[in-house]
Protein backbone atom coordinates (compact mmCIF):
# COMPACT_ATOMS: atom_id res chain seq x y z
CA MET A 1 78.89 -81.07 123.68
CA THR A 2 74.91 -80.62 124.26
CA ARG A 3 72.62 -82.96 122.17
CA ARG A 4 70.02 -81.08 120.56
CA ALA A 5 66.45 -82.73 120.44
CA LYS A 6 65.05 -83.63 117.86
CA LYS A 7 62.24 -81.56 116.21
CA PRO A 8 59.13 -83.13 117.06
CA ALA A 9 57.40 -84.82 113.69
CA ALA A 10 54.89 -82.62 112.38
CA THR A 11 51.48 -83.15 113.62
CA ILE A 12 48.14 -83.74 111.34
CA PRO A 13 46.72 -80.48 110.90
CA TRP A 14 42.77 -81.80 111.63
CA ILE A 15 41.99 -78.32 111.47
CA VAL A 16 42.69 -78.37 107.42
CA MET A 17 42.04 -82.32 106.67
CA ILE A 18 38.73 -82.74 107.70
CA PRO A 19 36.84 -80.27 105.99
CA PHE A 20 39.01 -80.88 102.87
CA ALA A 21 38.12 -84.82 102.97
CA ALA A 22 34.31 -84.06 103.72
CA SER A 23 34.30 -81.40 100.94
CA GLY A 24 36.11 -83.34 98.57
CA VAL A 25 33.92 -86.31 98.81
CA ILE A 26 30.50 -84.03 98.68
CA HIS A 27 32.33 -82.50 95.40
CA LEU A 28 32.62 -85.34 93.63
CA VAL A 29 29.13 -87.06 94.90
CA ARG A 30 27.03 -83.93 94.78
CA PRO A 31 28.65 -81.08 92.30
CA SER A 32 25.86 -78.96 92.05
CA VAL A 33 26.35 -78.06 95.58
CA PHE A 34 29.30 -76.36 94.41
CA THR A 35 28.93 -74.94 91.08
CA PRO A 36 26.37 -72.06 92.22
CA ILE A 37 29.48 -70.25 93.98
CA ILE A 38 32.41 -70.43 90.99
CA PRO A 39 33.04 -67.03 90.26
CA ARG A 40 30.76 -65.94 87.20
CA ALA A 41 34.38 -65.20 84.98
CA LEU A 42 34.71 -68.87 85.44
CA ARG A 43 31.19 -70.56 84.64
CA ARG A 44 31.95 -72.10 81.65
CA TRP A 45 34.03 -74.47 83.34
CA ASP A 46 31.77 -74.53 86.17
CA LYS A 47 31.29 -78.52 86.65
CA ALA A 48 35.13 -79.26 85.87
CA LEU A 49 36.74 -76.78 88.01
CA VAL A 50 34.38 -78.39 91.15
CA ILE A 51 35.65 -81.99 89.99
CA VAL A 52 39.26 -80.81 90.00
CA SER A 53 38.86 -79.17 92.95
CA GLY A 54 37.25 -81.97 94.96
CA VAL A 55 39.83 -84.29 93.81
CA ALA A 56 42.37 -81.30 94.83
CA GLU A 57 41.02 -81.45 98.00
CA LEU A 58 41.06 -85.04 98.37
CA ALA A 59 44.60 -85.64 97.27
CA CYS A 60 45.52 -82.59 99.95
CA ALA A 61 43.68 -84.63 102.68
CA VAL A 62 45.64 -87.79 102.16
CA GLY A 63 48.79 -86.06 101.97
CA LEU A 64 48.39 -84.36 105.06
CA VAL A 65 47.85 -87.68 106.58
CA VAL A 66 50.98 -89.24 105.02
CA PRO A 67 53.99 -88.35 106.90
CA ALA A 68 56.53 -88.40 103.71
CA THR A 69 53.69 -86.14 102.12
CA ARG A 70 53.06 -83.52 104.78
CA VAL A 71 54.83 -80.86 103.99
CA ALA A 72 54.34 -80.85 99.92
CA ALA A 73 50.39 -81.63 100.84
CA GLY A 74 50.64 -78.01 103.46
CA ARG A 75 51.67 -76.36 100.82
CA ALA A 76 49.34 -77.63 98.22
CA SER A 77 46.62 -77.13 100.81
CA ALA A 78 47.38 -73.31 101.51
CA VAL A 79 47.77 -72.98 97.71
CA LEU A 80 44.60 -74.59 97.27
CA LEU A 81 43.00 -72.54 99.60
CA ALA A 82 43.99 -69.56 98.08
CA ALA A 83 42.63 -70.97 94.55
CA ILE A 84 39.11 -71.34 96.36
CA TRP A 85 39.01 -68.20 98.42
CA PRO A 86 37.21 -66.74 95.39
CA ALA A 87 34.36 -68.61 95.17
CA ASN A 88 34.04 -68.42 98.62
CA ALA A 89 34.17 -64.55 98.35
CA GLN A 90 31.09 -65.25 95.61
CA MET A 91 28.74 -67.15 97.66
CA SER A 92 29.20 -64.37 100.22
CA ILE A 93 28.23 -61.78 97.64
CA ASP A 94 25.42 -64.05 96.42
CA LEU A 95 24.14 -64.53 99.78
CA GLY A 96 24.26 -61.08 100.71
CA ARG A 97 21.78 -60.26 97.72
CA ARG A 98 19.48 -63.12 98.76
CA ALA A 99 19.26 -61.55 102.31
CA ALA A 100 18.87 -58.47 101.06
CA ARG A 101 15.56 -59.81 98.55
CA ARG A 102 14.16 -62.21 101.36
CA ARG A 103 15.10 -60.35 104.39
CA THR A 104 14.42 -63.28 106.69
CA LEU A 105 16.37 -64.40 109.75
CA LYS A 106 17.92 -67.55 107.98
CA ALA A 107 18.76 -65.79 104.92
CA TRP A 108 20.78 -63.08 107.00
CA ALA A 109 22.29 -66.14 109.40
CA ALA A 110 23.68 -68.01 105.80
CA PHE A 111 24.63 -64.45 104.81
CA ALA A 112 26.73 -64.23 108.01
CA VAL A 113 28.41 -67.48 108.44
CA SER A 114 29.11 -67.02 104.57
CA LEU A 115 31.11 -63.67 105.75
CA VAL A 116 32.77 -65.52 108.93
CA ARG A 117 34.20 -67.98 106.74
CA LEU A 118 36.09 -65.69 104.59
CA PRO A 119 38.82 -64.82 107.14
CA LEU A 120 38.55 -68.27 108.72
CA GLN A 121 40.13 -69.67 105.10
CA VAL A 122 43.58 -67.22 106.10
CA THR A 123 43.72 -69.09 109.49
CA LEU A 124 43.49 -72.49 107.79
CA ILE A 125 46.40 -71.32 105.07
CA GLN A 126 48.23 -70.46 107.78
CA ARG A 127 47.87 -73.76 109.69
CA ALA A 128 48.43 -75.66 106.25
CA LEU A 129 51.99 -73.85 105.74
CA GLY A 130 52.61 -74.67 109.30
CA ARG A 131 52.72 -77.94 108.12
CA SER A 132 55.43 -77.36 105.58
CA ARG A 133 58.07 -76.11 107.70
């Protein structure tokens, strides 16, 4: 009879946890940083959405650190990343418009970084889901 090795305990997905922790704090301390990227259809609730998403990011970050909650937090993190994707898309649209108006290297660089961030979010979702299996 052979013994199966125990599957190693899931590790903390630092690539998800650290940005969530930092962003969650900023959401609560300086919500005005995030209100402009709320999609226009949701602007009526912009401040509430920023606060709720900040609290959710902090909860996910903490959940990813605690072994007993890591699986649930991984799933919740993936859902949250998908939910905030429209805000990141709105930010790219706005930065693209600003770059077209200003025509400066700084404005075009900000737009380019925002475009790179969109597919990166898919990687973050995959990493978060990796903790839920």
